Amino acid sequence: KSLNAKKIIHKKLLKYLKNKKIKKIYNIFSDNLENYKNFQKLAI
């Protein structure tokens, strides 16, 4: 049940990336992390 709930949340969050405005922001964010892909842990 916990895994299923997690999958549902993840699917819902990723669905917003279909929005063109949000996808554009995500791409900028992801590009700025390109040089740090080897950092397996990040803090916010």
PDB file of all heavy atoms in Angstrom:
ATOM      1  N   LYS A   1       0.830  -1.205   0.000  1.00  0.00           N
ATOM      2  CA  LYS A   1       0.000   0.000   0.000  1.00  0.00           C
ATOM      3  C   LYS A   1       0.869   1.262   0.000  1.00  0.00           C
ATOM      4  O   LYS A   1       0.578   2.239  -0.678  1.00  0.00           O
ATOM      5  CB  LYS A   1      -0.916   0.010   1.232  1.00  0.00           C
ATOM      6  CG  LYS A   1      -2.077  -0.974   1.130  1.00  0.00           C
ATOM      7  CD  LYS A   1      -2.938  -0.914   2.381  1.00  0.00           C
ATOM      8  CE  LYS A   1      -4.097  -1.906   2.288  1.00  0.00           C
ATOM      9  NZ  LYS A   1      -4.924  -1.884   3.525  1.00  0.00           N
ATOM     10  N   SER A   2       1.946   1.216   0.793  1.00  0.00           N
ATOM     11  CA  SER A   2       2.860   2.349   0.874  1.00  0.00           C
ATOM     12  C   SER A   2       3.540   2.606  -0.462  1.00  0.00           C
ATOM     13  O   SER A   2       3.661   3.752  -0.898  1.00  0.00           O
ATOM     14  CB  SER A   2       3.912   2.084   1.951  1.00  0.00           C
ATOM     15  OG  SER A   2       4.818   3.150   2.032  1.00  0.00           O
ATOM     16  N   LEU A   3       3.958   1.525  -1.126  1.00  0.00           N
ATOM     17  CA  LEU A   3       4.604   1.654  -2.430  1.00  0.00           C
ATOM     18  C   LEU A   3       3.641   2.176  -3.478  1.00  0.00           C
ATOM     19  O   LEU A   3       3.997   2.999  -4.325  1.00  0.00           O
ATOM     20  CB  LEU A   3       5.180   0.303  -2.871  1.00  0.00           C
ATOM     21  CG  LEU A   3       6.475  -0.137  -2.175  1.00  0.00           C
ATOM     22  CD1 LEU A   3       6.794  -1.584  -2.525  1.00  0.00           C
ATOM     23  CD2 LEU A   3       7.641   0.761  -2.568  1.00  0.00           C
ATOM     24  N   ASN A   4       2.394   1.702  -3.414  1.00  0.00           N
ATOM     25  CA  ASN A   4       1.373   2.156  -4.363  1.00  0.00           C
ATOM     26  C   ASN A   4       1.072   3.638  -4.170  1.00  0.00           C
ATOM     27  O   ASN A   4       0.924   4.392  -5.137  1.00  0.00           O
ATOM     28  CB  ASN A   4       0.083   1.339  -4.189  1.00  0.00           C
ATOM     29  CG  ASN A   4       0.219  -0.067  -4.753  1.00  0.00           C
ATOM     30  OD1 ASN A   4       1.023  -0.314  -5.644  1.00  0.00           O
ATOM     31  ND2 ASN A   4      -0.555  -1.006  -4.225  1.00  0.00           N
ATOM     32  N   ALA A   5       0.986   4.066  -2.896  1.00  0.00           N
ATOM     33  CA  ALA A   5       0.727   5.476  -2.589  1.00  0.00           C
ATOM     34  C   ALA A   5       1.871   6.340  -3.104  1.00  0.00           C
ATOM     35  O   ALA A   5       1.653   7.434  -3.647  1.00  0.00           O
ATOM     36  CB  ALA A   5       0.559   5.658  -1.084  1.00  0.00           C
ATOM     37  N   LYS A   6       3.105   5.841  -2.938  1.00  0.00           N
ATOM     38  CA  LYS A   6       4.293   6.556  -3.402  1.00  0.00           C
ATOM     39  C   LYS A   6       4.265   6.721  -4.921  1.00  0.00           C
ATOM     40  O   LYS A   6       4.566   7.800  -5.447  1.00  0.00           O
ATOM     41  CB  LYS A   6       5.534   5.777  -2.973  1.00  0.00           C
ATOM     42  CG  LYS A   6       6.835   6.527  -3.120  1.00  0.00           C
ATOM     43  CD  LYS A   6       7.973   5.699  -2.558  1.00  0.00           C
ATOM     44  CE  LYS A   6       9.300   6.424  -2.686  1.00  0.00           C
ATOM     45  NZ  LYS A   6      10.426   5.618  -2.138  1.00  0.00           N
ATOM     46  N   LYS A   7       3.886   5.641  -5.620  1.00  0.00           N
ATOM     47  CA  LYS A   7       3.816   5.677  -7.080  1.00  0.00           C
ATOM     48  C   LYS A   7       2.773   6.681  -7.557  1.00  0.00           C
ATOM     49  O   LYS A   7       2.974   7.398  -8.540  1.00  0.00           O
ATOM     50  CB  LYS A   7       3.500   4.283  -7.626  1.00  0.00           C
ATOM     51  CG  LYS A   7       4.674   3.312  -7.578  1.00  0.00           C
ATOM     52  CD  LYS A   7       4.279   1.961  -8.144  1.00  0.00           C
ATOM     53  CE  LYS A   7       5.443   0.979  -8.092  1.00  0.00           C
ATOM     54  NZ  LYS A   7       5.060  -0.361  -8.593  1.00  0.00           N
ATOM     55  N   ILE A   8       1.644   6.718  -6.848  1.00  0.00           N
ATOM     56  CA  ILE A   8       0.560   7.644  -7.210  1.00  0.00           C
ATOM     57  C   ILE A   8       1.023   9.095  -7.055  1.00  0.00           C
ATOM     58  O   ILE A   8       0.785   9.945  -7.917  1.00  0.00           O
ATOM     59  CB  ILE A   8      -0.688   7.380  -6.332  1.00  0.00           C
ATOM     60  CG1 ILE A   8      -1.314   6.030  -6.707  1.00  0.00           C
ATOM     61  CG2 ILE A   8      -1.719   8.496  -6.499  1.00  0.00           C
ATOM     62  CD1 ILE A   8      -2.375   5.542  -5.736  1.00  0.00           C
ATOM     63  N   ILE A   9       1.717   9.379  -5.933  1.00  0.00           N
ATOM     64  CA  ILE A   9       2.237  10.739  -5.677  1.00  0.00           C
ATOM     65  C   ILE A   9       3.249  11.129  -6.750  1.00  0.00           C
ATOM     66  O   ILE A   9       3.194  12.233  -7.306  1.00  0.00           O
ATOM     67  CB  ILE A   9       2.877  10.826  -4.275  1.00  0.00           C
ATOM     68  CG1 ILE A   9       1.797  10.731  -3.192  1.00  0.00           C
ATOM     69  CG2 ILE A   9       3.653  12.136  -4.122  1.00  0.00           C
ATOM     70  CD1 ILE A   9       2.341  10.578  -1.791  1.00  0.00           C
ATOM     71  N   HIS A  10       4.167  10.211  -7.061  1.00  0.00           N
ATOM     72  CA  HIS A  10       5.197  10.479  -8.066  1.00  0.00           C
ATOM     73  C   HIS A  10       4.573  10.747  -9.440  1.00  0.00           C
ATOM     74  O   HIS A  10       4.982  11.673 -10.147  1.00  0.00           O
ATOM     75  CB  HIS A  10       6.166   9.307  -8.160  1.00  0.00           C
ATOM     76  CG  HIS A  10       7.093   9.207  -6.994  1.00  0.00           C
ATOM     77  ND1 HIS A  10       8.094   8.262  -6.904  1.00  0.00           N
ATOM     78  CD2 HIS A  10       7.189   9.948  -5.857  1.00  0.00           C
ATOM     79  CE1 HIS A  10       8.743   8.419  -5.774  1.00  0.00           C
ATOM     80  NE2 HIS A  10       8.214   9.431  -5.120  1.00  0.00           N
ATOM     81  N   LYS A  11       3.592   9.951  -9.789  1.00  0.00           N
ATOM     82  CA  LYS A  11       2.911  10.097 -11.088  1.00  0.00           C
ATOM     83  C   LYS A  11       2.210  11.462 -11.163  1.00  0.00           C
ATOM     84  O   LYS A  11       2.255  12.144 -12.196  1.00  0.00           O
ATOM     85  CB  LYS A  11       1.893   8.970 -11.268  1.00  0.00           C
ATOM     86  CG  LYS A  11       1.293   8.890 -12.662  1.00  0.00           C
ATOM     87  CD  LYS A  11       0.385   7.678 -12.793  1.00  0.00           C
ATOM     88  CE  LYS A  11      -0.216   7.612 -14.196  1.00  0.00           C
ATOM     89  NZ  LYS A  11      -1.120   6.430 -14.339  1.00  0.00           N
ATOM     90  N   LYS A  12       1.597  11.870 -10.039  1.00  0.00           N
ATOM     91  CA  LYS A  12       0.890  13.150  -9.984  1.00  0.00           C
ATOM     92  C   LYS A  12       1.860  14.326 -10.135  1.00  0.00           C
ATOM     93  O   LYS A  12       1.586  15.288 -10.854  1.00  0.00           O
ATOM     94  CB  LYS A  12       0.133  13.257  -8.657  1.00  0.00           C
ATOM     95  CG  LYS A  12      -0.720  14.510  -8.544  1.00  0.00           C
ATOM     96  CD  LYS A  12      -1.443  14.547  -7.205  1.00  0.00           C
ATOM     97  CE  LYS A  12      -2.259  15.831  -7.077  1.00  0.00           C
ATOM     98  NZ  LYS A  12      -2.960  15.895  -5.757  1.00  0.00           N
ATOM     99  N   LEU A  13       2.997  14.227  -9.444  1.00  0.00           N
ATOM    100  CA  LEU A  13       3.994  15.297  -9.508  1.00  0.00           C
ATOM    101  C   LEU A  13       4.585  15.437 -10.910  1.00  0.00           C
ATOM    102  O   LEU A  13       4.721  16.548 -11.429  1.00  0.00           O
ATOM    103  CB  LEU A  13       5.109  15.030  -8.495  1.00  0.00           C
ATOM    104  CG  LEU A  13       4.757  15.222  -7.014  1.00  0.00           C
ATOM    105  CD1 LEU A  13       5.895  14.722  -6.128  1.00  0.00           C
ATOM    106  CD2 LEU A  13       4.448  16.683  -6.694  1.00  0.00           C
ATOM    107  N   LEU A  14       4.941  14.309 -11.509  1.00  0.00           N
ATOM    108  CA  LEU A  14       5.554  14.334 -12.843  1.00  0.00           C
ATOM    109  C   LEU A  14       4.569  14.785 -13.925  1.00  0.00           C
ATOM    110  O   LEU A  14       4.987  15.284 -14.972  1.00  0.00           O
ATOM    111  CB  LEU A  14       6.123  12.963 -13.188  1.00  0.00           C
ATOM    112  CG  LEU A  14       7.302  12.487 -12.314  1.00  0.00           C
ATOM    113  CD1 LEU A  14       7.699  11.066 -12.684  1.00  0.00           C
ATOM    114  CD2 LEU A  14       8.499  13.420 -12.463  1.00  0.00           C
ATOM    115  N   LYS A  15       3.288  14.604 -13.646  1.00  0.00           N
ATOM    116  CA  LYS A  15       2.258  15.002 -14.611  1.00  0.00           C
ATOM    117  C   LYS A  15       2.288  16.505 -14.883  1.00  0.00           C
ATOM    118  O   LYS A  15       2.001  16.965 -15.992  1.00  0.00           O
ATOM    119  CB  LYS A  15       0.881  14.587 -14.079  1.00  0.00           C
ATOM    120  CG  LYS A  15      -0.239  14.698 -15.117  1.00  0.00           C
ATOM    121  CD  LYS A  15      -1.552  14.164 -14.554  1.00  0.00           C
ATOM    122  CE  LYS A  15      -2.665  14.270 -15.591  1.00  0.00           C
ATOM    123  NZ  LYS A  15      -3.956  13.767 -15.046  1.00  0.00           N
ATOM    124  N   TYR A  16       2.666  17.287 -13.870  1.00  0.00           N
ATOM    125  CA  TYR A  16       2.735  18.748 -14.031  1.00  0.00           C
ATOM    126  C   TYR A  16       3.802  19.152 -15.050  1.00  0.00           C
ATOM    127  O   TYR A  16       3.743  20.251 -15.602  1.00  0.00           O
ATOM    128  CB  TYR A  16       3.032  19.421 -12.703  1.00  0.00           C
ATOM    129  CG  TYR A  16       1.863  19.429 -11.731  1.00  0.00           C
ATOM    130  CD1 TYR A  16       1.873  18.629 -10.602  1.00  0.00           C
ATOM    131  CD2 TYR A  16       0.764  20.253 -11.946  1.00  0.00           C
ATOM    132  CE1 TYR A  16       0.812  18.639  -9.703  1.00  0.00           C
ATOM    133  CE2 TYR A  16      -0.310  20.270 -11.063  1.00  0.00           C
ATOM    134  CZ  TYR A  16      -0.271  19.451  -9.939  1.00  0.00           C
ATOM    135  OH  TYR A  16      -1.331  19.461  -9.063  1.00  0.00           O
ATOM    136  N   LEU A  17       4.784  18.270 -15.293  1.00  0.00           N
ATOM    137  CA  LEU A  17       5.845  18.590 -16.254  1.00  0.00           C
ATOM    138  C   LEU A  17       5.327  18.623 -17.698  1.00  0.00           C
ATOM    139  O   LEU A  17       6.027  19.064 -18.603  1.00  0.00           O
ATOM    140  CB  LEU A  17       6.988  17.572 -16.138  1.00  0.00           C
ATOM    141  CG  LEU A  17       7.804  17.616 -14.836  1.00  0.00           C
ATOM    142  CD1 LEU A  17       8.883  16.544 -14.838  1.00  0.00           C
ATOM    143  CD2 LEU A  17       8.427  18.989 -14.629  1.00  0.00           C
ATOM    144  N   LYS A  18       4.101  18.170 -17.887  1.00  0.00           N
ATOM    145  CA  LYS A  18       3.489  18.263 -19.214  1.00  0.00           C
ATOM    146  C   LYS A  18       3.073  19.698 -19.527  1.00  0.00           C
ATOM    147  O   LYS A  18       2.858  20.053 -20.687  1.00  0.00           O
ATOM    148  CB  LYS A  18       2.281  17.326 -19.298  1.00  0.00           C
ATOM    149  CG  LYS A  18       2.651  15.845 -19.241  1.00  0.00           C
ATOM    150  CD  LYS A  18       1.418  14.961 -19.328  1.00  0.00           C
ATOM    151  CE  LYS A  18       1.796  13.486 -19.266  1.00  0.00           C
ATOM    152  NZ  LYS A  18       0.601  12.608 -19.314  1.00  0.00           N
ATOM    153  N   ASN A  19       2.951  20.505 -18.469  1.00  0.00           N
ATOM    154  CA  ASN A  19       2.663  21.930 -18.632  1.00  0.00           C
ATOM    155  C   ASN A  19       3.910  22.601 -19.230  1.00  0.00           C
ATOM    156  O   ASN A  19       5.009  22.491 -18.684  1.00  0.00           O
ATOM    157  CB  ASN A  19       2.315  22.520 -17.257  1.00  0.00           C
ATOM    158  CG  ASN A  19       2.003  23.999 -17.305  1.00  0.00           C
ATOM    159  OD1 ASN A  19       2.810  24.798 -17.774  1.00  0.00           O
ATOM    160  ND2 ASN A  19       0.846  24.377 -16.794  1.00  0.00           N
ATOM    161  N   LYS A  20       3.763  23.298 -20.349  1.00  0.00           N
ATOM    162  CA  LYS A  20       4.916  23.877 -21.063  1.00  0.00           C
ATOM    163  C   LYS A  20       5.713  24.859 -20.208  1.00  0.00           C
ATOM    164  O   LYS A  20       6.942  24.873 -20.248  1.00  0.00           O
ATOM    165  CB  LYS A  20       4.430  24.570 -22.344  1.00  0.00           C
ATOM    166  CG  LYS A  20       3.986  23.595 -23.428  1.00  0.00           C
ATOM    167  CD  LYS A  20       3.602  24.328 -24.692  1.00  0.00           C
ATOM    168  CE  LYS A  20       3.175  23.350 -25.779  1.00  0.00           C
ATOM    169  NZ  LYS A  20       2.778  24.052 -27.031  1.00  0.00           N
ATOM    170  N   LYS A  21       5.006  25.688 -19.424  1.00  0.00           N
ATOM    171  CA  LYS A  21       5.692  26.669 -18.571  1.00  0.00           C
ATOM    172  C   LYS A  21       6.535  25.973 -17.506  1.00  0.00           C
ATOM    173  O   LYS A  21       7.684  26.346 -17.247  1.00  0.00           O
ATOM    174  CB  LYS A  21       4.668  27.587 -17.906  1.00  0.00           C
ATOM    175  CG  LYS A  21       3.999  28.585 -18.844  1.00  0.00           C
ATOM    176  CD  LYS A  21       3.056  29.486 -18.057  1.00  0.00           C
ATOM    177  CE  LYS A  21       2.364  30.489 -18.970  1.00  0.00           C
ATOM    178  NZ  LYS A  21       1.423  31.356 -18.206  1.00  0.00           N
ATOM    179  N   ILE A  22       5.938  24.962 -16.888  1.00  0.00           N
ATOM    180  CA  ILE A  22       6.636  24.242 -15.818  1.00  0.00           C
ATOM    181  C   ILE A  22       7.781  23.408 -16.390  1.00  0.00           C
ATOM    182  O   ILE A  22       8.861  23.337 -15.790  1.00  0.00           O
ATOM    183  CB  ILE A  22       5.649  23.356 -15.023  1.00  0.00           C
ATOM    184  CG1 ILE A  22       4.656  24.257 -14.281  1.00  0.00           C
ATOM    185  CG2 ILE A  22       6.387  22.449 -14.037  1.00  0.00           C
ATOM    186  CD1 ILE A  22       3.589  23.512 -13.510  1.00  0.00           C
ATOM    187  N   LYS A  23       7.569  22.820 -17.538  1.00  0.00           N
ATOM    188  CA  LYS A  23       8.622  22.028 -18.187  1.00  0.00           C
ATOM    189  C   LYS A  23       9.827  22.907 -18.526  1.00  0.00           C
ATOM    190  O   LYS A  23      10.987  22.484 -18.354  1.00  0.00           O
ATOM    191  CB  LYS A  23       8.076  21.385 -19.470  1.00  0.00           C
ATOM    192  CG  LYS A  23       9.089  20.502 -20.213  1.00  0.00           C
ATOM    193  CD  LYS A  23       9.513  19.304 -19.384  1.00  0.00           C
ATOM    194  CE  LYS A  23      10.448  18.404 -20.174  1.00  0.00           C
ATOM    195  NZ  LYS A  23      10.938  17.264 -19.377  1.00  0.00           N
ATOM    196  N   LYS A  24       9.569  24.132 -18.962  1.00  0.00           N
ATOM    197  CA  LYS A  24      10.652  25.063 -19.290  1.00  0.00           C
ATOM    198  C   LYS A  24      11.474  25.385 -18.041  1.00  0.00           C
ATOM    199  O   LYS A  24      12.707  25.406 -18.082  1.00  0.00           O
ATOM    200  CB  LYS A  24      10.066  26.345 -19.891  1.00  0.00           C
ATOM    201  CG  LYS A  24      11.118  27.353 -20.320  1.00  0.00           C
ATOM    202  CD  LYS A  24      10.463  28.617 -20.873  1.00  0.00           C
ATOM    203  CE  LYS A  24      11.517  29.658 -21.241  1.00  0.00           C
ATOM    204  NZ  LYS A  24      10.877  30.911 -21.740  1.00  0.00           N
ATOM    205  N   ILE A  25      10.777  25.641 -16.922  1.00  0.00           N
ATOM    206  CA  ILE A  25      11.459  25.934 -15.657  1.00  0.00           C
ATOM    207  C   ILE A  25      12.268  24.730 -15.204  1.00  0.00           C
ATOM    208  O   ILE A  25      13.418  24.865 -14.768  1.00  0.00           O
ATOM    209  CB  ILE A  25      10.437  26.336 -14.565  1.00  0.00           C
ATOM    210  CG1 ILE A  25       9.762  27.656 -14.945  1.00  0.00           C
ATOM    211  CG2 ILE A  25      11.115  26.471 -13.202  1.00  0.00           C
ATOM    212  CD1 ILE A  25       8.585  28.028 -14.056  1.00  0.00           C
ATOM    213  N   TYR A  26      11.675  23.540 -15.327  1.00  0.00           N
ATOM    214  CA  TYR A  26      12.385  22.315 -14.907  1.00  0.00           C
ATOM    215  C   TYR A  26      13.648  22.104 -15.740  1.00  0.00           C
ATOM    216  O   TYR A  26      14.692  21.707 -15.202  1.00  0.00           O
ATOM    217  CB  TYR A  26      11.481  21.090 -15.025  1.00  0.00           C
ATOM    218  CG  TYR A  26      12.220  19.820 -14.644  1.00  0.00           C
ATOM    219  CD1 TYR A  26      12.393  19.469 -13.310  1.00  0.00           C
ATOM    220  CD2 TYR A  26      12.793  18.997 -15.614  1.00  0.00           C
ATOM    221  CE1 TYR A  26      13.112  18.336 -12.948  1.00  0.00           C
ATOM    222  CE2 TYR A  26      13.515  17.868 -15.269  1.00  0.00           C
ATOM    223  CZ  TYR A  26      13.666  17.544 -13.935  1.00  0.00           C
ATOM    224  OH  TYR A  26      14.390  16.428 -13.578  1.00  0.00           O
ATOM    225  N   ASN A  27      13.578  22.381 -17.016  1.00  0.00           N
ATOM    226  CA  ASN A  27      14.739  22.193 -17.896  1.00  0.00           C
ATOM    227  C   ASN A  27      15.887  23.125 -17.492  1.00  0.00           C
ATOM    228  O   ASN A  27      17.059  22.724 -17.512  1.00  0.00           O
ATOM    229  CB  ASN A  27      14.357  22.437 -19.355  1.00  0.00           C
ATOM    230  CG  ASN A  27      13.518  21.300 -19.931  1.00  0.00           C
ATOM    231  OD1 ASN A  27      13.525  20.188 -19.389  1.00  0.00           O
ATOM    232  ND2 ASN A  27      12.814  21.559 -21.007  1.00  0.00           N
ATOM    233  N   ILE A  28      15.554  24.370 -17.140  1.00  0.00           N
ATOM    234  CA  ILE A  28      16.581  25.316 -16.679  1.00  0.00           C
ATOM    235  C   ILE A  28      17.200  24.800 -15.377  1.00  0.00           C
ATOM    236  O   ILE A  28      18.422  24.791 -15.212  1.00  0.00           O
ATOM    237  CB  ILE A  28      15.980  26.721 -16.466  1.00  0.00           C
ATOM    238  CG1 ILE A  28      15.545  27.322 -17.809  1.00  0.00           C
ATOM    239  CG2 ILE A  28      16.984  27.649 -15.771  1.00  0.00           C
ATOM    240  CD1 ILE A  28      14.736  28.600 -17.687  1.00  0.00           C
ATOM    241  N   PHE A  29      16.332  24.363 -14.464  1.00  0.00           N
ATOM    242  CA  PHE A  29      16.785  23.809 -13.185  1.00  0.00           C
ATOM    243  C   PHE A  29      17.706  22.608 -13.403  1.00  0.00           C
ATOM    244  O   PHE A  29      18.804  22.534 -12.835  1.00  0.00           O
ATOM    245  CB  PHE A  29      15.553  23.394 -12.358  1.00  0.00           C
ATOM    246  CG  PHE A  29      15.870  22.591 -11.126  1.00  0.00           C
ATOM    247  CD1 PHE A  29      16.240  23.216  -9.953  1.00  0.00           C
ATOM    248  CD2 PHE A  29      15.791  21.201 -11.147  1.00  0.00           C
ATOM    249  CE1 PHE A  29      16.525  22.479  -8.812  1.00  0.00           C
ATOM    250  CE2 PHE A  29      16.075  20.458 -10.014  1.00  0.00           C
ATOM    251  CZ  PHE A  29      16.445  21.104  -8.840  1.00  0.00           C
ATOM    252  N   SER A  30      17.285  21.697 -14.242  1.00  0.00           N
ATOM    253  CA  SER A  30      18.053  20.476 -14.513  1.00  0.00           C
ATOM    254  C   SER A  30      19.387  20.787 -15.189  1.00  0.00           C
ATOM    255  O   SER A  30      20.423  20.198 -14.859  1.00  0.00           O
ATOM    256  CB  SER A  30      17.220  19.539 -15.390  1.00  0.00           C
ATOM    257  OG  SER A  30      17.914  18.340 -15.650  1.00  0.00           O
ATOM    258  N   ASP A  31      19.368  21.726 -16.140  1.00  0.00           N
ATOM    259  CA  ASP A  31      20.599  22.126 -16.841  1.00  0.00           C
ATOM    260  C   ASP A  31      21.622  22.708 -15.865  1.00  0.00           C
ATOM    261  O   ASP A  31      22.829  22.488 -16.009  1.00  0.00           O
ATOM    262  CB  ASP A  31      20.286  23.150 -17.939  1.00  0.00           C
ATOM    263  CG  ASP A  31      19.582  22.528 -19.136  1.00  0.00           C
ATOM    264  OD1 ASP A  31      19.568  21.285 -19.255  1.00  0.00           O
ATOM    265  OD2 ASP A  31      19.021  23.290 -19.953  1.00  0.00           O
ATOM    266  N   ASN A  32      21.140  23.459 -14.894  1.00  0.00           N
ATOM    267  CA  ASN A  32      22.041  24.074 -13.909  1.00  0.00           C
ATOM    268  C   ASN A  32      22.640  23.047 -12.947  1.00  0.00           C
ATOM    269  O   ASN A  32      23.595  23.350 -12.230  1.00  0.00           O
ATOM    270  CB  ASN A  32      21.307  25.165 -13.111  1.00  0.00           C
ATOM    271  CG  ASN A  32      21.117  26.433 -13.921  1.00  0.00           C
ATOM    272  OD1 ASN A  32      21.884  26.717 -14.840  1.00  0.00           O
ATOM    273  ND2 ASN A  32      20.097  27.201 -13.607  1.00  0.00           N
ATOM    274  N   LEU A  33      22.073  21.848 -12.932  1.00  0.00           N
ATOM    275  CA  LEU A  33      22.610  20.764 -12.101  1.00  0.00           C
ATOM    276  C   LEU A  33      23.448  19.774 -12.918  1.00  0.00           C
ATOM    277  O   LEU A  33      23.928  18.779 -12.369  1.00  0.00           O
ATOM    278  CB  LEU A  33      21.471  20.008 -11.417  1.00  0.00           C
ATOM    279  CG  LEU A  33      20.829  20.698 -10.215  1.00  0.00           C
ATOM    280  CD1 LEU A  33      19.603  19.920  -9.754  1.00  0.00           C
ATOM    281  CD2 LEU A  33      21.805  20.840  -9.069  1.00  0.00           C
ATOM    282  N   GLU A  34      23.623  20.068 -14.196  1.00  0.00           N
ATOM    283  CA  GLU A  34      24.318  19.144 -15.105  1.00  0.00           C
ATOM    284  C   GLU A  34      25.717  18.794 -14.607  1.00  0.00           C
ATOM    285  O   GLU A  34      26.155  17.639 -14.729  1.00  0.00           O
ATOM    286  CB  GLU A  34      24.398  19.772 -16.506  1.00  0.00           C
ATOM    287  CG  GLU A  34      24.975  18.864 -17.567  1.00  0.00           C
ATOM    288  CD  GLU A  34      24.148  17.623 -17.847  1.00  0.00           C
ATOM    289  OE1 GLU A  34      22.908  17.673 -17.689  1.00  0.00           O
ATOM    290  OE2 GLU A  34      24.746  16.580 -18.201  1.00  0.00           O
ATOM    291  N   ASN A  35      26.427  19.760 -14.065  1.00  0.00           N
ATOM    292  CA  ASN A  35      27.802  19.515 -13.605  1.00  0.00           C
ATOM    293  C   ASN A  35      27.871  18.838 -12.242  1.00  0.00           C
ATOM    294  O   ASN A  35      28.963  18.595 -11.718  1.00  0.00           O
ATOM    295  CB  ASN A  35      28.579  20.831 -13.549  1.00  0.00           C
ATOM    296  CG  ASN A  35      28.782  21.432 -14.932  1.00  0.00           C
ATOM    297  OD1 ASN A  35      28.887  20.708 -15.926  1.00  0.00           O
ATOM    298  ND2 ASN A  35      28.823  22.741 -15.005  1.00  0.00           N
ATOM    299  N   TYR A  36      26.699  18.533 -11.664  1.00  0.00           N
ATOM    300  CA  TYR A  36      26.670  17.963 -10.307  1.00  0.00           C
ATOM    301  C   TYR A  36      25.926  16.634 -10.245  1.00  0.00           C
ATOM    302  O   TYR A  36      25.431  16.231  -9.202  1.00  0.00           O
ATOM    303  CB  TYR A  36      26.028  18.975  -9.341  1.00  0.00           C
ATOM    304  CG  TYR A  36      26.706  20.303  -9.389  1.00  0.00           C
ATOM    305  CD1 TYR A  36      26.214  21.329 -10.208  1.00  0.00           C
ATOM    306  CD2 TYR A  36      27.874  20.543  -8.675  1.00  0.00           C
ATOM    307  CE1 TYR A  36      26.863  22.544 -10.293  1.00  0.00           C
ATOM    308  CE2 TYR A  36      28.523  21.760  -8.751  1.00  0.00           C
ATOM    309  CZ  TYR A  36      28.016  22.753  -9.564  1.00  0.00           C
ATOM    310  OH  TYR A  36      28.667  23.962  -9.645  1.00  0.00           O
ATOM    311  N   LYS A  37      25.868  15.949 -11.381  1.00  0.00           N
ATOM    312  CA  LYS A  37      25.163  14.666 -11.435  1.00  0.00           C
ATOM    313  C   LYS A  37      25.811  13.603 -10.550  1.00  0.00           C
ATOM    314  O   LYS A  37      25.170  12.644 -10.147  1.00  0.00           O
ATOM    315  CB  LYS A  37      25.077  14.175 -12.882  1.00  0.00           C
ATOM    316  CG  LYS A  37      23.982  14.862 -13.685  1.00  0.00           C
ATOM    317  CD  LYS A  37      23.768  14.188 -15.018  1.00  0.00           C
ATOM    318  CE  LYS A  37      22.545  14.774 -15.725  1.00  0.00           C
ATOM    319  NZ  LYS A  37      22.298  14.134 -17.033  1.00  0.00           N
ATOM    320  N   ASN A  38      27.096  13.779 -10.290  1.00  0.00           N
ATOM    321  CA  ASN A  38      27.796  12.803  -9.444  1.00  0.00           C
ATOM    322  C   ASN A  38      27.521  13.033  -7.958  1.00  0.00           C
ATOM    323  O   ASN A  38      27.921  12.226  -7.115  1.00  0.00           O
ATOM    324  CB  ASN A  38      29.307  12.853  -9.706  1.00  0.00           C
ATOM    325  CG  ASN A  38      29.898  14.222  -9.425  1.00  0.00           C
ATOM    326  OD1 ASN A  38      29.258  15.240  -9.693  1.00  0.00           O
ATOM    327  ND2 ASN A  38      31.110  14.262  -8.912  1.00  0.00           N
ATOM    328  N   PHE A  39      26.845  14.132  -7.619  1.00  0.00           N
ATOM    329  CA  PHE A  39      26.434  14.380  -6.237  1.00  0.00           C
ATOM    330  C   PHE A  39      25.140  13.603  -5.993  1.00  0.00           C
ATOM    331  O   PHE A  39      24.067  14.050  -6.342  1.00  0.00           O
ATOM    332  CB  PHE A  39      26.192  15.870  -5.992  1.00  0.00           C
ATOM    333  CG  PHE A  39      27.435  16.716  -5.940  1.00  0.00           C
ATOM    334  CD1 PHE A  39      28.270  16.811  -7.030  1.00  0.00           C
ATOM    335  CD2 PHE A  39      27.756  17.438  -4.813  1.00  0.00           C
ATOM    336  CE1 PHE A  39      29.417  17.590  -6.998  1.00  0.00           C
ATOM    337  CE2 PHE A  39      28.897  18.230  -4.755  1.00  0.00           C
ATOM    338  CZ  PHE A  39      29.731  18.302  -5.857  1.00  0.00           C
ATOM    339  N   GLN A  40      25.248  12.449  -5.382  1.00  0.00           N
ATOM    340  CA  GLN A  40      24.081  11.593  -5.175  1.00  0.00           C
ATOM    341  C   GLN A  40      23.161  12.108  -4.061  1.00  0.00           C
ATOM    342  O   GLN A  40      22.013  11.683  -3.944  1.00  0.00           O
ATOM    343  CB  GLN A  40      24.526  10.163  -4.855  1.00  0.00           C
ATOM    344  CG  GLN A  40      25.185   9.443  -6.028  1.00  0.00           C
ATOM    345  CD  GLN A  40      24.285   9.345  -7.242  1.00  0.00           C
ATOM    346  OE1 GLN A  40      23.125   8.942  -7.140  1.00  0.00           O
ATOM    347  NE2 GLN A  40      24.807   9.727  -8.406  1.00  0.00           N
ATOM    348  N   LYS A  41      23.671  13.015  -3.242  1.00  0.00           N
ATOM    349  CA  LYS A  41      22.882  13.611  -2.170  1.00  0.00           C
ATOM    350  C   LYS A  41      22.839  15.126  -2.348  1.00  0.00           C
ATOM    351  O   LYS A  41      23.863  15.756  -2.574  1.00  0.00           O
ATOM    352  CB  LYS A  41      23.485  13.289  -0.799  1.00  0.00           C
ATOM    353  CG  LYS A  41      23.397  11.838  -0.389  1.00  0.00           C
ATOM    354  CD  LYS A  41      24.018  11.664   0.989  1.00  0.00           C
ATOM    355  CE  LYS A  41      23.938  10.233   1.463  1.00  0.00           C
ATOM    356  NZ  LYS A  41      24.536  10.096   2.819  1.00  0.00           N
ATOM    357  N   LEU A  42      21.636  15.692  -2.248  1.00  0.00           N
ATOM    358  CA  LEU A  42      21.456  17.133  -2.353  1.00  0.00           C
ATOM    359  C   LEU A  42      20.612  17.612  -1.182  1.00  0.00           C
ATOM    360  O   LEU A  42      19.770  16.869  -0.671  1.00  0.00           O
ATOM    361  CB  LEU A  42      20.753  17.503  -3.661  1.00  0.00           C
ATOM    362  CG  LEU A  42      21.355  17.003  -4.981  1.00  0.00           C
ATOM    363  CD1 LEU A  42      20.434  17.358  -6.131  1.00  0.00           C
ATOM    364  CD2 LEU A  42      22.730  17.601  -5.203  1.00  0.00           C
ATOM    365  N   ALA A  43      20.819  18.855  -0.771  1.00  0.00           N
ATOM    366  CA  ALA A  43      20.008  19.448   0.293  1.00  0.00           C
ATOM    367  C   ALA A  43      19.262  20.658  -0.253  1.00  0.00           C
ATOM    368  O   ALA A  43      19.775  21.369  -1.116  1.00  0.00           O
ATOM    369  CB  ALA A  43      20.878  19.854   1.475  1.00  0.00           C
ATOM    370  N   ILE A  44      18.056  20.872   0.254  1.00  0.00           N
ATOM    371  CA  ILE A  44      17.228  21.999  -0.160  1.00  0.00           C
ATOM    372  C   ILE A  44      16.944  22.880   1.047  1.00  0.00           C
ATOM    373  O   ILE A  44      16.470  22.398   2.082  1.00  0.00           O
ATOM    374  CB  ILE A  44      15.877  21.525  -0.754  1.00  0.00           C
ATOM    375  CG1 ILE A  44      16.099  20.516  -1.883  1.00  0.00           C
ATOM    376  CG2 ILE A  44      15.051  22.716  -1.221  1.00  0.00           C
ATOM    377  CD1 ILE A  44      16.840  21.045  -3.073  1.00  0.00           C
TER     378      ILE A  44
END
